[in-house]
Protein backbone atom coordinates (compact mmCIF):
# COMPACT_ATOMS: atom_id res chain seq x y z
CA MET A 1 -84.53 47.02 -87.44
CA GLN A 2 -87.31 46.99 -90.07
CA LEU A 3 -86.49 43.36 -90.83
CA ILE A 4 -86.93 42.44 -87.17
CA LEU A 5 -90.26 44.22 -86.94
CA LEU A 6 -91.36 42.57 -90.17
CA PHE A 7 -90.38 39.14 -88.77
CA PHE A 8 -92.45 39.67 -85.59
CA LYS A 9 -95.39 40.93 -87.67
CA ARG A 10 -95.38 37.86 -89.86
CA GLN A 11 -94.90 35.43 -86.95
CA LYS A 12 -97.23 37.16 -84.51
CA ASP A 13 -99.74 34.32 -84.44
CA PHE A 14 -97.07 31.68 -83.72
CA LEU A 15 -95.37 33.83 -81.10
CA LEU A 16 -98.74 34.50 -79.41
CA PHE A 17 -99.36 30.76 -79.35
CA LEU A 18 -95.99 30.13 -77.68
CA LEU A 19 -96.64 32.81 -75.10
CA LEU A 20 -100.09 31.42 -74.23
CA PHE A 21 -98.73 27.87 -74.17
CA ALA A 22 -95.94 28.82 -71.77
CA PHE A 23 -98.39 30.73 -69.59
CA SER A 24 -100.81 27.77 -69.48
CA PHE A 25 -97.97 25.34 -68.82
CA SER A 26 -96.78 27.36 -65.84
CA PHE A 27 -100.33 27.33 -64.41
CA VAL A 28 -100.46 23.55 -64.73
CA LEU A 29 -97.10 23.11 -62.96
CA ASN A 30 -97.87 25.53 -60.17
CA GLY A 31 -101.27 24.00 -59.55
CA ASN A 32 -100.29 20.33 -59.66
CA SER A 33 -97.38 18.97 -57.58
CA PHE A 34 -97.24 15.68 -59.50
CA GLN A 35 -96.73 17.38 -62.88
CA GLN A 36 -94.23 19.75 -61.25
CA SER A 37 -92.13 16.95 -59.84
CA LYS A 38 -92.31 15.03 -63.10
CA PHE A 39 -91.18 18.07 -65.04
CA LEU A 40 -88.28 18.72 -62.66
CA TYR A 41 -87.25 15.06 -62.94
CA ILE A 42 -87.21 15.22 -66.75
CA ALA A 43 -85.56 18.62 -66.75
CA THR A 44 -82.85 17.42 -64.40
CA ASP A 45 -82.20 14.40 -66.60
CA VAL A 46 -82.01 16.56 -69.71
CA VAL A 47 -79.73 19.10 -68.04
CA GLY A 48 -77.50 16.26 -66.81
CA ASP A 49 -77.19 14.93 -70.35
CA VAL A 50 -76.39 18.39 -71.61
CA TYR A 51 -73.65 18.87 -69.00
CA LEU A 52 -72.28 15.38 -69.74
CA LEU A 53 -72.12 16.22 -73.42
CA ARG A 54 -70.48 19.54 -72.66
CA ASN A 55 -67.86 17.91 -70.42
CA GLY A 56 -67.16 15.31 -73.08
CA VAL A 57 -66.59 18.04 -75.65
CA GLN A 58 -64.34 19.96 -73.25
CA GLU A 59 -62.31 16.83 -72.45
CA TYR A 60 -61.92 16.06 -76.13
CA PHE A 61 -60.59 19.52 -76.90
CA SER A 62 -58.32 19.39 -73.82
CA LEU A 63 -56.67 16.09 -74.88
CA LYS A 64 -53.78 17.91 -76.48
CA GLN A 65 -53.12 19.82 -73.28
CA GLN A 66 -53.35 16.62 -71.21
CA ASN A 67 -50.97 14.81 -73.56
CA GLU A 68 -48.49 17.64 -73.27
CA GLN A 69 -48.75 17.46 -69.48
CA LEU A 70 -48.20 13.69 -69.51
CA ALA A 71 -45.21 14.07 -71.80
CA LYS A 72 -43.77 16.65 -69.44
CA GLU A 73 -44.27 14.37 -66.42
CA ASN A 74 -42.68 11.43 -68.29
CA ARG A 75 -39.68 13.56 -69.17
CA GLN A 76 -39.32 14.61 -65.53
CA LEU A 77 -39.49 10.97 -64.41
CA HIS A 78 -36.84 9.95 -66.92
CA GLU A 79 -34.61 12.80 -65.77
CA GLN A 80 -35.08 11.69 -62.16
CA LEU A 81 -34.21 8.08 -63.01
CA LEU A 82 -31.10 9.15 -64.90
CA LYS A 83 -30.10 11.37 -62.01
CA GLU A 84 -30.53 8.51 -59.50
CA ARG A 85 -28.54 6.19 -61.77
CA ALA A 86 -25.73 8.73 -62.01
CA GLN A 87 -25.72 9.15 -58.23
CA LYS A 88 -25.58 5.37 -57.78
CA LEU A 89 -22.63 5.06 -60.15
CA GLU A 90 -20.90 7.88 -58.29
CA GLU A 91 -21.45 6.06 -54.99
CA LEU A 92 -20.01 2.87 -56.48
CA SER A 93 -16.93 4.71 -57.65
CA LYS A 94 -16.30 5.91 -54.08
CA GLU A 95 -16.41 2.47 -52.45
CA PRO A 96 -13.50 2.01 -50.00
CA ILE A 97 -12.69 -1.30 -51.69
CA LEU A 98 -11.02 0.75 -54.44
CA LEU A 99 -8.64 2.48 -52.07
CA TYR A 100 -5.55 0.36 -52.68
CA SER A 101 -2.04 1.69 -53.05
CA PRO A 102 -1.91 3.26 -56.55
CA GLU A 103 1.80 2.48 -56.68
CA GLN A 104 1.10 -1.28 -56.60
CA TYR A 105 -2.50 -1.68 -57.80
CA ALA A 106 -4.65 -0.35 -60.64
CA VAL A 107 -8.44 -0.74 -60.54
CA TYR A 108 -10.78 -1.03 -63.54
CA ARG A 109 -14.56 -0.98 -63.53
CA ALA A 110 -16.66 -3.33 -65.68
CA GLU A 111 -20.25 -4.47 -66.16
CA VAL A 112 -21.37 -8.08 -65.91
CA ILE A 113 -23.08 -9.17 -69.12
CA LYS A 114 -23.46 -12.86 -68.22
CA ASN A 115 -23.41 -14.64 -64.89
CA SER A 116 -24.01 -18.24 -63.82
CA TYR A 117 -24.38 -19.42 -60.23
CA HIS A 118 -26.40 -22.66 -60.42
CA LEU A 119 -23.69 -24.85 -62.01
CA SER A 120 -20.77 -26.61 -60.37
CA LYS A 121 -18.25 -24.57 -62.39
CA ASN A 122 -19.66 -21.07 -62.67
CA TYR A 123 -18.29 -18.22 -64.76
CA LEU A 124 -19.02 -14.55 -65.44
CA ILE A 125 -18.50 -12.55 -68.63
CA ILE A 126 -17.56 -8.87 -68.30
CA ASN A 127 -17.44 -6.11 -70.93
CA LYS A 128 -13.73 -5.35 -70.62
CA GLY A 129 -10.80 -7.10 -72.32
CA THR A 130 -7.14 -6.81 -73.29
CA ARG A 131 -7.67 -3.46 -75.01
CA ASP A 132 -8.75 -2.20 -71.56
CA SER A 133 -5.60 -3.68 -69.92
CA ILE A 134 -7.51 -6.70 -68.58
CA HIS A 135 -5.54 -9.96 -68.56
CA GLN A 136 -5.57 -13.43 -67.04
CA ASP A 137 -5.06 -13.86 -63.27
CA MET A 138 -6.45 -10.51 -62.18
CA GLY A 139 -8.69 -10.40 -59.13
CA VAL A 140 -12.37 -9.43 -59.51
CA VAL A 141 -14.37 -7.93 -56.67
CA SER A 142 -17.71 -6.23 -56.03
CA PRO A 143 -18.25 -3.21 -53.75
CA LYS A 144 -18.99 -5.76 -50.98
CA GLY A 145 -16.28 -8.34 -51.49
CA ILE A 146 -14.60 -11.05 -53.56
CA VAL A 147 -16.11 -12.31 -56.85
CA GLY A 148 -13.50 -14.36 -58.70
CA ILE A 149 -10.40 -14.36 -60.93
CA ILE A 150 -9.97 -13.45 -64.62
CA ASP A 151 -9.64 -16.74 -66.51
CA LYS A 152 -9.46 -15.69 -70.19
CA ALA A 153 -9.57 -12.37 -72.04
CA THR A 154 -10.25 -11.31 -75.61
CA SER A 155 -9.82 -7.78 -76.92
CA ARG A 156 -13.28 -6.69 -75.72
CA TYR A 157 -14.43 -9.23 -73.12
CA ALA A 158 -13.12 -11.42 -70.32
CA SER A 159 -14.35 -14.50 -68.50
CA VAL A 160 -14.17 -14.67 -64.72
CA GLN A 161 -13.83 -17.92 -62.81
CA SER A 162 -16.38 -17.31 -60.08
CA VAL A 163 -15.70 -18.01 -56.44
CA LEU A 164 -18.73 -20.29 -56.94
CA ASN A 165 -16.62 -22.69 -58.96
CA THR A 166 -15.52 -26.03 -57.50
CA LEU A 167 -12.08 -25.45 -59.07
CA SER A 168 -11.56 -22.11 -57.31
CA LYS A 169 -9.06 -21.94 -54.46
CA VAL A 170 -8.40 -18.66 -52.67
CA SER A 171 -6.12 -18.02 -49.73
CA ALA A 172 -8.26 -16.57 -46.93
CA THR A 173 -7.65 -15.50 -43.35
CA HIS A 174 -9.57 -15.11 -40.11
CA LYS A 175 -9.54 -11.34 -39.66
CA LYS A 176 -9.28 -11.31 -35.85
CA SER A 177 -6.59 -13.93 -35.30
CA GLY A 178 -4.69 -13.91 -38.59
CA TYR A 179 -4.92 -17.70 -39.03
CA TYR A 180 -5.33 -18.55 -42.68
CA GLY A 181 -6.59 -21.42 -44.78
CA THR A 182 -8.12 -22.23 -48.17
CA LEU A 183 -11.45 -20.93 -49.42
CA SER A 184 -13.38 -23.20 -51.81
CA TRP A 185 -16.96 -24.08 -52.76
CA ASP A 186 -18.73 -27.42 -52.42
CA GLY A 187 -21.13 -26.75 -55.30
CA LYS A 188 -24.26 -26.51 -53.16
CA ASP A 189 -25.51 -23.19 -51.78
CA PRO A 190 -24.54 -20.17 -53.98
CA THR A 191 -24.42 -17.95 -50.90
CA ILE A 192 -22.09 -20.10 -48.79
CA VAL A 193 -18.45 -21.11 -49.30
CA GLN A 194 -16.14 -23.27 -47.18
CA LEU A 195 -12.94 -22.35 -45.35
CA THR A 196 -10.63 -25.31 -44.68
CA ASP A 197 -7.09 -25.96 -43.40
CA ILE A 198 -7.47 -23.58 -40.46
CA PRO A 199 -5.61 -24.91 -37.36
CA SER A 200 -7.95 -26.25 -34.69
CA LEU A 201 -6.52 -23.85 -32.11
CA ALA A 202 -7.71 -20.82 -34.10
CA PRO A 203 -10.29 -18.86 -32.03
CA ILE A 204 -12.94 -18.68 -34.76
CA SER A 205 -16.48 -17.84 -33.71
CA VAL A 206 -19.81 -17.48 -35.50
CA GLY A 207 -20.12 -14.00 -36.98
CA ASP A 208 -16.37 -13.44 -37.42
CA SER A 209 -15.19 -11.90 -40.69
CA ILE A 210 -13.10 -13.75 -43.27
CA VAL A 211 -10.90 -11.74 -45.67
CA THR A 212 -8.31 -12.45 -48.35
CA ALA A 213 -4.90 -13.42 -46.97
CA GLY A 214 -2.88 -11.66 -49.67
CA HIS A 215 -0.61 -14.69 -50.13
CA SER A 216 -0.77 -14.47 -53.93
CA SER A 217 -0.18 -11.79 -56.55
CA ILE A 218 -3.91 -11.75 -57.42
CA PHE A 219 -5.79 -10.32 -54.45
CA PRO A 220 -4.50 -7.70 -52.00
CA LYS A 221 -4.71 -8.58 -48.33
CA GLY A 222 -7.93 -7.74 -46.50
CA ILE A 223 -10.62 -7.88 -49.18
CA PRO A 224 -13.90 -8.90 -47.49
CA ILE A 225 -15.16 -12.41 -48.21
CA GLY A 226 -17.91 -13.20 -45.72
CA LYS A 227 -18.95 -14.06 -42.16
CA VAL A 228 -18.63 -17.38 -40.37
CA LEU A 229 -21.92 -19.27 -40.03
CA ASN A 230 -20.63 -22.30 -38.13
CA VAL A 231 -17.38 -24.06 -37.24
CA ASN A 232 -16.75 -27.83 -37.16
CA ALA A 233 -13.67 -29.84 -36.31
CA ASN A 234 -12.07 -31.96 -39.03
CA THR A 235 -10.86 -35.07 -37.15
CA ARG A 236 -8.77 -36.30 -40.10
CA ASP A 237 -6.14 -33.54 -39.99
CA ASN A 238 -6.89 -31.71 -36.73
CA SER A 239 -8.16 -28.61 -38.54
CA LEU A 240 -11.37 -26.59 -38.69
CA LEU A 241 -14.03 -26.49 -41.38
CA SER A 242 -16.03 -23.26 -41.44
CA GLN A 243 -19.13 -22.38 -43.44
CA VAL A 244 -18.82 -18.78 -44.64
CA LYS A 245 -21.72 -16.59 -45.80
CA LEU A 246 -20.53 -14.46 -48.72
CA PHE A 247 -20.84 -10.69 -48.41
CA THR A 248 -21.30 -10.44 -52.18
CA ASP A 249 -24.66 -11.51 -53.56
CA MET A 250 -23.38 -13.57 -56.49
CA GLN A 251 -26.89 -13.82 -57.93
CA GLN A 252 -27.37 -10.07 -58.30
CA LEU A 253 -24.05 -8.89 -59.76
CA GLN A 254 -24.19 -5.95 -62.16
CA HIS A 255 -20.93 -4.05 -61.69
CA VAL A 256 -17.51 -5.38 -60.69
CA TYR A 257 -13.97 -4.08 -60.27
CA ILE A 258 -10.83 -5.69 -61.66
CA ILE A 259 -7.67 -5.35 -59.57
CA LYS A 260 -4.36 -5.34 -61.41
CA ASN A 261 -1.22 -5.99 -59.38
CA LYS A 262 1.51 -4.00 -61.13
CA GLU A 263 4.16 -6.22 -59.52
CA GLN A 264 2.50 -9.46 -60.65
CA ILE A 265 4.92 -10.25 -63.49
CA PRO A 266 8.15 -9.96 -61.45
CA ILE A 267 6.52 -11.92 -58.61
CA LYS A 268 5.54 -14.71 -61.02
CA GLN A 269 9.03 -14.76 -62.51
CA LEU A 270 10.52 -15.14 -59.05
CA GLU A 271 8.06 -17.93 -58.20
CA GLU A 272 9.01 -19.76 -61.40
CA GLN A 273 12.72 -19.49 -60.58
CA ILE A 274 12.12 -20.89 -57.11
CA GLN A 275 10.08 -23.76 -58.56
CA GLU A 276 12.80 -24.55 -61.10
CA GLN A 277 15.41 -24.68 -58.34
CA ALA A 278 13.18 -26.96 -56.27
CA ASP A 279 12.77 -29.34 -59.22
CA GLU A 280 16.56 -29.68 -59.78
């Protein structure tokens, strides 16, 4: 306490000066509107700078908290994306296209790691091979419809001859009438294939569905292929030529299913015996 009193005693002249200066300054402001407004303008500017500096300091010291909040939000977004991905994969696994007779067919899921659709002879590469029970001449489909046929297989990978390959021939049928013909591709539009060899009396109309005929040991009967876009008569052999819009988007394939016919080997053996007898 004595130190405080001693300080005021020593600084009494300076403190008296400050008091008189403040008193005089207040008289000037109260008696002159111009000086008052000027002072308020400067004071406001100074106070604004002080608040800006204070906010900057507060924001700087709150960076850690903000970073933690951002990290938390990022983690939540990643969890949401993973959850949606898992739900999508679960939906894919429940597609009705997988509901074949388990006594005759086995179904394997694979991912497409390479896909071509702008060539005349297009192929896909999938991440399953012989070690996953994948072999030549197995049918490949998407959740929406036909994709192609296994052409070659290594231990870890397999190549698929796409339906968008000018060498591909698949037996297909008009779903409503049961008339069947040959599905092929003319090498032009990657969304449209051609159905030929359908008898001219077949009641095919635009919008009708085309499915696999099941006349081989590769594809089961009834796998969706596409819808008829137009129908033209082939005057050379009295048949119909139909343009078919594929259900499967061959340019956006990510996941496919491989269909294994468990009876394929005995069927092939029987076909070979019949062919040998025909050649005798």
